[in-house]
Amino acid sequence: MEIVTLLYGDRNQSWHRQANCMGVDPDLFFPERGASTREAKEVCRGCVVQEDCLEYALANSEKFGIWGGLSERERRRLRRARALEQRPTISASAS
């Protein structure tokens, strides 16, 4: 089974067939807790669909594995940062 099918299922994802991870062992992208993510991230580096992969993971709340070159912890940080950016700011001069 191809990693993209394993990761994305049979959903119609027009971008996933261009992914660098095609033909790579899926276990590489789901390392054991505390194991290195370096090799998986190296596969993602320079991938033409890296951003699509990351956005897919964020939109689908993927909690495990390396997606778009980011670990679950890194994706959590990114989600929080994006949420903070979207919060309305209260102007000090509004009083």
PDB file of N, CA and C in Angstrom:
ATOM      1  N   MET A   1       0.848  -1.179   0.000  1.00  0.00           N
ATOM      2  CA  MET A   1       0.000   0.000   0.000  1.00  0.00           C
ATOM      3  C   MET A   1       0.894   1.244   0.000  1.00  0.00           C
ATOM      4  N   GLU A   2       0.535   2.243  -0.780  1.00  0.00           N
ATOM      5  CA  GLU A   2       1.309   3.473  -0.844  1.00  0.00           C
ATOM      6  C   GLU A   2       1.042   4.324   0.393  1.00  0.00           C
ATOM      7  N   ILE A   3       2.056   5.074   0.807  1.00  0.00           N
ATOM      8  CA  ILE A   3       1.904   5.915   1.999  1.00  0.00           C
ATOM      9  C   ILE A   3       0.798   6.944   1.834  1.00  0.00           C
ATOM     10  N   VAL A   4       0.662   7.506   0.650  1.00  0.00           N
ATOM     11  CA  VAL A   4      -0.357   8.536   0.478  1.00  0.00           C
ATOM     12  C   VAL A   4      -1.750   7.948   0.646  1.00  0.00           C
ATOM     13  N   THR A   5      -1.962   6.752   0.160  1.00  0.00           N
ATOM     14  CA  THR A   5      -3.261   6.110   0.360  1.00  0.00           C
ATOM     15  C   THR A   5      -3.459   5.823   1.834  1.00  0.00           C
ATOM     16  N   LEU A   6      -2.406   5.374   2.499  1.00  0.00           N
ATOM     17  CA  LEU A   6      -2.490   5.102   3.923  1.00  0.00           C
ATOM     18  C   LEU A   6      -2.777   6.387   4.699  1.00  0.00           C
ATOM     19  N   LEU A   7      -2.086   7.456   4.352  1.00  0.00           N
ATOM     20  CA  LEU A   7      -2.247   8.721   5.069  1.00  0.00           C
ATOM     21  C   LEU A   7      -3.547   9.428   4.736  1.00  0.00           C
ATOM     22  N   TYR A   8      -3.894   9.453   3.452  1.00  0.00           N
ATOM     23  CA  TYR A   8      -5.040  10.249   3.017  1.00  0.00           C
ATOM     24  C   TYR A   8      -6.273   9.430   2.725  1.00  0.00           C
ATOM     25  N   GLY A   9      -6.153   8.117   2.702  1.00  0.00           N
ATOM     26  CA  GLY A   9      -7.279   7.273   2.348  1.00  0.00           C
ATOM     27  C   GLY A   9      -7.530   7.339   0.849  1.00  0.00           C
ATOM     28  N   ASP A  10      -8.699   6.936   0.442  1.00  0.00           N
ATOM     29  CA  ASP A  10      -9.028   6.934  -0.978  1.00  0.00           C
ATOM     30  C   ASP A  10      -9.694   8.228  -1.420  1.00  0.00           C
ATOM     31  N   ARG A  11      -9.710   9.233  -0.547  1.00  0.00           N
ATOM     32  CA  ARG A  11     -10.321  10.509  -0.906  1.00  0.00           C
ATOM     33  C   ARG A  11      -9.637  11.086  -2.132  1.00  0.00           C
ATOM     34  N   ASN A  12     -10.381  11.833  -2.904  1.00  0.00           N
ATOM     35  CA  ASN A  12      -9.817  12.462  -4.094  1.00  0.00           C
ATOM     36  C   ASN A  12      -8.996  13.678  -3.689  1.00  0.00           C
ATOM     37  N   GLN A  13      -7.705  13.503  -3.597  1.00  0.00           N
ATOM     38  CA  GLN A  13      -6.773  14.581  -3.275  1.00  0.00           C
ATOM     39  C   GLN A  13      -5.894  14.763  -4.497  1.00  0.00           C
ATOM     40  N   SER A  14      -6.154  15.787  -5.267  1.00  0.00           N
ATOM     41  CA  SER A  14      -5.417  15.963  -6.515  1.00  0.00           C
ATOM     42  C   SER A  14      -3.934  16.222  -6.289  1.00  0.00           C
ATOM     43  N   TRP A  15      -3.554  16.708  -5.126  1.00  0.00           N
ATOM     44  CA  TRP A  15      -2.162  17.075  -4.876  1.00  0.00           C
ATOM     45  C   TRP A  15      -1.312  15.935  -4.351  1.00  0.00           C
ATOM     46  N   HIS A  16      -1.887  14.973  -3.700  1.00  0.00           N
ATOM     47  CA  HIS A  16      -1.077  13.978  -2.977  1.00  0.00           C
ATOM     48  C   HIS A  16      -0.235  13.068  -3.864  1.00  0.00           C
ATOM     49  N   ARG A  17      -0.599  12.904  -5.097  1.00  0.00           N
ATOM     50  CA  ARG A  17       0.179  12.050  -5.993  1.00  0.00           C
ATOM     51  C   ARG A  17       1.533  12.655  -6.348  1.00  0.00           C
ATOM     52  N   GLN A  18       1.715  13.944  -6.051  1.00  0.00           N
ATOM     53  CA  GLN A  18       2.986  14.616  -6.329  1.00  0.00           C
ATOM     54  C   GLN A  18       3.907  14.637  -5.113  1.00  0.00           C
ATOM     55  N   ALA A  19       3.464  14.048  -4.022  1.00  0.00           N
ATOM     56  CA  ALA A  19       4.198  14.121  -2.757  1.00  0.00           C
ATOM     57  C   ALA A  19       5.512  13.341  -2.786  1.00  0.00           C
ATOM     58  N   ASN A  20       6.515  13.889  -2.135  1.00  0.00           N
ATOM     59  CA  ASN A  20       7.811  13.213  -2.014  1.00  0.00           C
ATOM     60  C   ASN A  20       7.701  11.880  -1.281  1.00  0.00           C
ATOM     61  N   CYS A  21       6.676  11.718  -0.469  1.00  0.00           N
ATOM     62  CA  CYS A  21       6.557  10.513   0.350  1.00  0.00           C
ATOM     63  C   CYS A  21       5.991   9.320  -0.418  1.00  0.00           C
ATOM     64  N   MET A  22       5.664   9.493  -1.680  1.00  0.00           N
ATOM     65  CA  MET A  22       5.180   8.362  -2.478  1.00  0.00           C
ATOM     66  C   MET A  22       6.242   7.265  -2.471  1.00  0.00           C
ATOM     67  N   GLY A  23       5.852   6.071  -2.077  1.00  0.00           N
ATOM     68  CA  GLY A  23       6.765   4.932  -2.080  1.00  0.00           C
ATOM     69  C   GLY A  23       7.648   4.819  -0.851  1.00  0.00           C
ATOM     70  N   VAL A  24       7.504   5.754   0.094  1.00  0.00           N
ATOM     71  CA  VAL A  24       8.315   5.726   1.322  1.00  0.00           C
ATOM     72  C   VAL A  24       7.549   4.954   2.397  1.00  0.00           C
ATOM     73  N   ASP A  25       8.270   4.222   3.217  1.00  0.00           N
ATOM     74  CA  ASP A  25       7.658   3.449   4.305  1.00  0.00           C
ATOM     75  C   ASP A  25       6.864   4.373   5.223  1.00  0.00           C
ATOM     76  N   PRO A  26       5.554   4.147   5.387  1.00  0.00           N
ATOM     77  CA  PRO A  26       4.721   5.000   6.234  1.00  0.00           C
ATOM     78  C   PRO A  26       5.200   5.087   7.684  1.00  0.00           C
ATOM     79  N   ASP A  27       5.851   4.038   8.178  1.00  0.00           N
ATOM     80  CA  ASP A  27       6.334   4.052   9.562  1.00  0.00           C
ATOM     81  C   ASP A  27       7.307   5.199   9.811  1.00  0.00           C
ATOM     82  N   LEU A  28       7.976   5.652   8.767  1.00  0.00           N
ATOM     83  CA  LEU A  28       8.916   6.761   8.899  1.00  0.00           C
ATOM     84  C   LEU A  28       8.203   8.023   9.383  1.00  0.00           C
ATOM     85  N   PHE A  29       6.946   8.199   8.990  1.00  0.00           N
ATOM     86  CA  PHE A  29       6.186   9.399   9.312  1.00  0.00           C
ATOM     87  C   PHE A  29       5.406   9.289  10.620  1.00  0.00           C
ATOM     88  N   PHE A  30       5.490   8.129  11.253  1.00  0.00           N
ATOM     89  CA  PHE A  30       4.820   7.910  12.530  1.00  0.00           C
ATOM     90  C   PHE A  30       5.813   7.288  13.510  1.00  0.00           C
ATOM     91  N   PRO A  31       6.845   8.046  13.866  1.00  0.00           N
ATOM     92  CA  PRO A  31       7.888   7.499  14.750  1.00  0.00           C
ATOM     93  C   PRO A  31       7.350   7.261  16.165  1.00  0.00           C
ATOM     94  N   GLU A  32       7.993   6.334  16.845  1.00  0.00           N
ATOM     95  CA  GLU A  32       7.652   6.068  18.246  1.00  0.00           C
ATOM     96  C   GLU A  32       7.918   7.325  19.068  1.00  0.00           C
ATOM     97  N   ARG A  33       7.231   7.464  20.167  1.00  0.00           N
ATOM     98  CA  ARG A  33       7.412   8.616  21.045  1.00  0.00           C
ATOM     99  C   ARG A  33       8.893   8.752  21.417  1.00  0.00           C
ATOM    100  N   GLY A  34       9.413   9.952  21.228  1.00  0.00           N
ATOM    101  CA  GLY A  34      10.804  10.226  21.554  1.00  0.00           C
ATOM    102  C   GLY A  34      11.792   9.908  20.452  1.00  0.00           C
ATOM    103  N   ALA A  35      11.335   9.216  19.399  1.00  0.00           N
ATOM    104  CA  ALA A  35      12.227   8.876  18.281  1.00  0.00           C
ATOM    105  C   ALA A  35      12.422  10.094  17.384  1.00  0.00           C
ATOM    106  N   SER A  36      13.463  10.075  16.620  1.00  0.00           N
ATOM    107  CA  SER A  36      13.796  11.188  15.733  1.00  0.00           C
ATOM    108  C   SER A  36      12.776  11.339  14.602  1.00  0.00           C
ATOM    109  N   THR A  37      12.475  12.582  14.284  1.00  0.00           N
ATOM    110  CA  THR A  37      11.597  12.891  13.151  1.00  0.00           C
ATOM    111  C   THR A  37      12.400  13.446  11.975  1.00  0.00           C
ATOM    112  N   ARG A  38      13.707  13.489  12.140  1.00  0.00           N
ATOM    113  CA  ARG A  38      14.587  14.122  11.160  1.00  0.00           C
ATOM    114  C   ARG A  38      14.445  13.524   9.758  1.00  0.00           C
ATOM    115  N   GLU A  39      14.457  12.207   9.648  1.00  0.00           N
ATOM    116  CA  GLU A  39      14.383  11.566   8.332  1.00  0.00           C
ATOM    117  C   GLU A  39      13.059  11.870   7.627  1.00  0.00           C
ATOM    118  N   ALA A  40      11.972  11.815   8.364  1.00  0.00           N
ATOM    119  CA  ALA A  40      10.659  12.108   7.775  1.00  0.00           C
ATOM    120  C   ALA A  40      10.606  13.560   7.308  1.00  0.00           C
ATOM    121  N   LYS A  41      11.118  14.455   8.130  1.00  0.00           N
ATOM    122  CA  LYS A  41      11.115  15.873   7.768  1.00  0.00           C
ATOM    123  C   LYS A  41      12.004  16.139   6.564  1.00  0.00           C
ATOM    124  N   GLU A  42      13.051  15.354   6.438  1.00  0.00           N
ATOM    125  CA  GLU A  42      13.941  15.492   5.285  1.00  0.00           C
ATOM    126  C   GLU A  42      13.205  15.105   3.994  1.00  0.00           C
ATOM    127  N   VAL A  43      12.354  14.095   4.066  1.00  0.00           N
ATOM    128  CA  VAL A  43      11.550  13.701   2.904  1.00  0.00           C
ATOM    129  C   VAL A  43      10.617  14.858   2.523  1.00  0.00           C
ATOM    130  N   CYS A  44      10.062  15.526   3.524  1.00  0.00           N
ATOM    131  CA  CYS A  44       9.132  16.633   3.288  1.00  0.00           C
ATOM    132  C   CYS A  44       9.827  17.887   2.748  1.00  0.00           C
ATOM    133  N   ARG A  45      11.073  18.070   3.140  1.00  0.00           N
ATOM    134  CA  ARG A  45      11.798  19.275   2.728  1.00  0.00           C
ATOM    135  C   ARG A  45      11.860  19.357   1.204  1.00  0.00           C
ATOM    136  N   GLY A  46      11.411  20.460   0.681  1.00  0.00           N
ATOM    137  CA  GLY A  46      11.443  20.663  -0.757  1.00  0.00           C
ATOM    138  C   GLY A  46      10.302  20.011  -1.518  1.00  0.00           C
ATOM    139  N   CYS A  47       9.398  19.364  -0.831  1.00  0.00           N
ATOM    140  CA  CYS A  47       8.255  18.729  -1.489  1.00  0.00           C
ATOM    141  C   CYS A  47       7.341  19.815  -2.055  1.00  0.00           C
ATOM    142  N   VAL A  48       6.917  19.631  -3.294  1.00  0.00           N
ATOM    143  CA  VAL A  48       6.091  20.650  -3.942  1.00  0.00           C
ATOM    144  C   VAL A  48       4.690  20.757  -3.337  1.00  0.00           C
ATOM    145  N   VAL A  49       4.263  19.741  -2.609  1.00  0.00           N
ATOM    146  CA  VAL A  49       2.929  19.784  -1.997  1.00  0.00           C
ATOM    147  C   VAL A  49       3.002  19.845  -0.471  1.00  0.00           C
ATOM    148  N   GLN A  50       4.138  20.253   0.055  1.00  0.00           N
ATOM    149  CA  GLN A  50       4.323  20.302   1.506  1.00  0.00           C
ATOM    150  C   GLN A  50       3.250  21.160   2.182  1.00  0.00           C
ATOM    151  N   GLU A  51       2.969  22.318   1.625  1.00  0.00           N
ATOM    152  CA  GLU A  51       1.974  23.202   2.235  1.00  0.00           C
ATOM    153  C   GLU A  51       0.575  22.593   2.154  1.00  0.00           C
ATOM    154  N   ASP A  52       0.244  21.960   1.037  1.00  0.00           N
ATOM    155  CA  ASP A  52      -1.060  21.298   0.905  1.00  0.00           C
ATOM    156  C   ASP A  52      -1.213  20.205   1.957  1.00  0.00           C
ATOM    157  N   CYS A  53      -0.137  19.448   2.158  1.00  0.00           N
ATOM    158  CA  CYS A  53      -0.135  18.370   3.146  1.00  0.00           C
ATOM    159  C   CYS A  53      -0.347  18.928   4.550  1.00  0.00           C
ATOM    160  N   LEU A  54       0.368  19.992   4.861  1.00  0.00           N
ATOM    161  CA  LEU A  54       0.235  20.619   6.177  1.00  0.00           C
ATOM    162  C   LEU A  54      -1.179  21.152   6.385  1.00  0.00           C
ATOM    163  N   GLU A  55      -1.705  21.842   5.394  1.00  0.00           N
ATOM    164  CA  GLU A  55      -3.063  22.390   5.521  1.00  0.00           C
ATOM    165  C   GLU A  55      -4.096  21.281   5.660  1.00  0.00           C
ATOM    166  N   TYR A  56      -3.886  20.166   4.955  1.00  0.00           N
ATOM    167  CA  TYR A  56      -4.773  19.009   5.096  1.00  0.00           C
ATOM    168  C   TYR A  56      -4.764  18.520   6.548  1.00  0.00           C
ATOM    169  N   ALA A  57      -3.570  18.380   7.101  1.00  0.00           N
ATOM    170  CA  ALA A  57      -3.440  17.887   8.473  1.00  0.00           C
ATOM    171  C   ALA A  57      -4.098  18.837   9.464  1.00  0.00           C
ATOM    172  N   LEU A  58      -3.907  20.132   9.256  1.00  0.00           N
ATOM    173  CA  LEU A  58      -4.511  21.119  10.158  1.00  0.00           C
ATOM    174  C   LEU A  58      -6.029  21.115  10.029  1.00  0.00           C
ATOM    175  N   ALA A  59      -6.526  21.061   8.814  1.00  0.00           N
ATOM    176  CA  ALA A  59      -7.976  21.071   8.585  1.00  0.00           C
ATOM    177  C   ALA A  59      -8.653  19.825   9.122  1.00  0.00           C
ATOM    178  N   ASN A  60      -7.914  18.709   9.168  1.00  0.00           N
ATOM    179  CA  ASN A  60      -8.492  17.443   9.613  1.00  0.00           C
ATOM    180  C   ASN A  60      -8.046  17.046  11.015  1.00  0.00           C
ATOM    181  N   SER A  61      -7.411  17.994  11.705  1.00  0.00           N
ATOM    182  CA  SER A  61      -6.967  17.774  13.094  1.00  0.00           C
ATOM    183  C   SER A  61      -6.170  16.486  13.259  1.00  0.00           C
ATOM    184  N   GLU A  62      -5.244  16.248  12.333  1.00  0.00           N
ATOM    185  CA  GLU A  62      -4.378  15.072  12.452  1.00  0.00           C
ATOM    186  C   GLU A  62      -3.533  15.219  13.709  1.00  0.00           C
ATOM    187  N   LYS A  63      -3.629  14.264  14.589  1.00  0.00           N
ATOM    188  CA  LYS A  63      -2.946  14.360  15.870  1.00  0.00           C
ATOM    189  C   LYS A  63      -1.620  13.610  15.906  1.00  0.00           C
ATOM    190  N   PHE A  64      -1.385  12.756  14.946  1.00  0.00           N
ATOM    191  CA  PHE A  64      -0.184  11.925  14.969  1.00  0.00           C
ATOM    192  C   PHE A  64       0.586  12.046  13.673  1.00  0.00           C
ATOM    193  N   GLY A  65       1.872  11.834  13.760  1.00  0.00           N
ATOM    194  CA  GLY A  65       2.713  11.749  12.578  1.00  0.00           C
ATOM    195  C   GLY A  65       3.260  13.078  12.092  1.00  0.00           C
ATOM    196  N   ILE A  66       4.094  12.964  11.070  1.00  0.00           N
ATOM    197  CA  ILE A  66       4.694  14.114  10.413  1.00  0.00           C
ATOM    198  C   ILE A  66       3.844  14.429   9.187  1.00  0.00           C
ATOM    199  N   TRP A  67       3.355  15.642   9.123  1.00  0.00           N
ATOM    200  CA  TRP A  67       2.532  16.105   8.007  1.00  0.00           C
ATOM    201  C   TRP A  67       3.075  17.451   7.559  1.00  0.00           C
ATOM    202  N   GLY A  68       3.325  17.591   6.287  1.00  0.00           N
ATOM    203  CA  GLY A  68       3.819  18.867   5.781  1.00  0.00           C
ATOM    204  C   GLY A  68       5.117  19.288   6.434  1.00  0.00           C
ATOM    205  N   GLY A  69       5.883  18.324   6.907  1.00  0.00           N
ATOM    206  CA  GLY A  69       7.167  18.620   7.519  1.00  0.00           C
ATOM    207  C   GLY A  69       7.106  19.007   8.985  1.00  0.00           C
ATOM    208  N   LEU A  70       5.929  18.947   9.589  1.00  0.00           N
ATOM    209  CA  LEU A  70       5.794  19.323  11.003  1.00  0.00           C
ATOM    210  C   LEU A  70       5.297  18.156  11.848  1.00  0.00           C
ATOM    211  N   SER A  71       5.796  18.084  13.063  1.00  0.00           N
ATOM    212  CA  SER A  71       5.344  17.071  14.022  1.00  0.00           C
ATOM    213  C   SER A  71       4.018  17.512  14.628  1.00  0.00           C
ATOM    214  N   GLU A  72       3.416  16.628  15.385  1.00  0.00           N
ATOM    215  CA  GLU A  72       2.152  16.978  16.041  1.00  0.00           C
ATOM    216  C   GLU A  72       2.324  18.170  16.982  1.00  0.00           C
ATOM    217  N   ARG A  73       3.418  18.224  17.698  1.00  0.00           N
ATOM    218  CA  ARG A  73       3.687  19.343  18.615  1.00  0.00           C
ATOM    219  C   ARG A  73       3.836  20.660  17.832  1.00  0.00           C
ATOM    220  N   GLU A  74       4.549  20.601  16.726  1.00  0.00           N
ATOM    221  CA  GLU A  74       4.739  21.800  15.897  1.00  0.00           C
ATOM    222  C   GLU A  74       3.427  22.267  15.275  1.00  0.00           C
ATOM    223  N   ARG A  75       2.576  21.323  14.886  1.00  0.00           N
ATOM    224  CA  ARG A  75       1.261  21.693  14.335  1.00  0.00           C
ATOM    225  C   ARG A  75       0.378  22.317  15.398  1.00  0.00           C
ATOM    226  N   ARG A  76       0.466  21.822  16.631  1.00  0.00           N
ATOM    227  CA  ARG A  76      -0.301  22.421  17.734  1.00  0.00           C
ATOM    228  C   ARG A  76       0.112  23.871  17.936  1.00  0.00           C
ATOM    229  N   ARG A  77       1.426  24.111  17.945  1.00  0.00           N
ATOM    230  CA  ARG A  77       1.927  25.485  18.087  1.00  0.00           C
ATOM    231  C   ARG A  77       1.432  26.381  16.956  1.00  0.00           C
ATOM    232  N   LEU A  78       1.465  25.852  15.746  1.00  0.00           N
ATOM    233  CA  LEU A  78       1.010  26.620  14.594  1.00  0.00           C
ATOM    234  C   LEU A  78      -0.479  26.934  14.708  1.00  0.00           C
ATOM    235  N   ARG A  79      -1.281  25.947  15.124  1.00  0.00           N
ATOM    236  CA  ARG A  79      -2.716  26.182  15.312  1.00  0.00           C
ATOM    237  C   ARG A  79      -2.951  27.291  16.336  1.00  0.00           C
ATOM    238  N   ARG A  80      -2.222  27.215  17.460  1.00  0.00           N
ATOM    239  CA  ARG A  80      -2.372  28.248  18.496  1.00  0.00           C
ATOM    240  C   ARG A  80      -1.973  29.624  17.973  1.00  0.00           C
ATOM    241  N   ALA A  81      -0.868  29.685  17.268  1.00  0.00           N
ATOM    242  CA  ALA A  81      -0.400  30.968  16.725  1.00  0.00           C
ATOM    243  C   ALA A  81      -1.415  31.539  15.738  1.00  0.00           C
ATOM    244  N   ARG A  82      -1.964  30.689  14.899  1.00  0.00           N
ATOM    245  CA  ARG A  82      -2.972  31.157  13.942  1.00  0.00           C
ATOM    246  C   ARG A  82      -4.225  31.635  14.661  1.00  0.00           C
ATOM    247  N   ALA A  83      -4.615  30.916  15.705  1.00  0.00           N
ATOM    248  CA  ALA A  83      -5.802  31.319  16.470  1.00  0.00           C
ATOM    249  C   ALA A  83      -5.578  32.684  17.124  1.00  0.00           C
ATOM    250  N   LEU A  84      -4.388  32.904  17.659  1.00  0.00           N
ATOM    251  CA  LEU A  84      -4.081  34.200  18.276  1.00  0.00           C
ATOM    252  C   LEU A  84      -4.094  35.320  17.242  1.00  0.00           C
ATOM    253  N   GLU A  85      -3.607  35.048  16.053  1.00  0.00           N
ATOM    254  CA  GLU A  85      -3.607  36.051  14.989  1.00  0.00           C
ATOM    255  C   GLU A  85      -5.023  36.438  14.589  1.00  0.00           C
ATOM    256  N   GLN A  86      -5.949  35.494  14.695  1.00  0.00           N
ATOM    257  CA  GLN A  86      -7.325  35.733  14.266  1.00  0.00           C
ATOM    258  C   GLN A  86      -8.170  36.419  15.332  1.00  0.00           C
ATOM    259  N   ARG A  87      -7.686  36.452  16.566  1.00  0.00           N
ATOM    260  CA  ARG A  87      -8.449  37.081  17.639  1.00  0.00           C
ATOM    261  C   ARG A  87      -8.533  38.579  17.390  1.00  0.00           C
ATOM    262  N   PRO A  88      -9.712  39.144  17.614  1.00  0.00           N
ATOM    263  CA  PRO A  88      -9.827  40.600  17.447  1.00  0.00           C
ATOM    264  C   PRO A  88      -8.998  41.318  18.512  1.00  0.00           C
ATOM    265  N   THR A  89      -8.342  42.359  18.109  1.00  0.00           N
ATOM    266  CA  THR A  89      -7.555  43.121  19.058  1.00  0.00           C
ATOM    267  C   THR A  89      -8.379  44.289  19.571  1.00  0.00           C
ATOM    268  N   ILE A  90      -8.231  44.563  20.838  1.00  0.00           N
ATOM    269  CA  ILE A  90      -8.947  45.680  21.453  1.00  0.00           C
ATOM    270  C   ILE A  90      -8.012  46.877  21.431  1.00  0.00           C
ATOM    271  N   SER A  91      -8.459  47.900  20.781  1.00  0.00           N
ATOM    272  CA  SER A  91      -7.636  49.091  20.652  1.00  0.00           C
ATOM    273  C   SER A  91      -7.666  49.877  21.956  1.00  0.00           C
ATOM    274  N   ALA A  92      -6.497  50.331  22.395  1.00  0.00           N
ATOM    275  CA  ALA A  92      -6.408  51.129  23.629  1.00  0.00           C
ATOM    276  C   ALA A  92      -7.093  52.457  23.462  1.00  0.00           C
ATOM    277  N   SER A  93      -7.200  52.943  22.236  1.00  0.00           N
ATOM    278  CA  SER A  93      -7.825  54.254  22.011  1.00  0.00           C
ATOM    279  C   SER A  93      -9.349  54.133  21.866  1.00  0.00           C
ATOM    280  N   ALA A  94      -9.886  52.934  22.003  1.00  0.00           N
ATOM    281  CA  ALA A  94     -11.327  52.739  21.857  1.00  0.00           C
ATOM    282  C   ALA A  94     -12.107  53.220  23.061  1.00  0.00           C
ATOM    283  N   SER A  95     -11.454  53.530  24.186  1.00  0.00           N
ATOM    284  CA  SER A  95     -12.186  53.933  25.378  1.00  0.00           C
ATOM    285  C   SER A  95     -12.693  55.328  25.310  1.00  0.00           C
TER     286      SER A  95
END
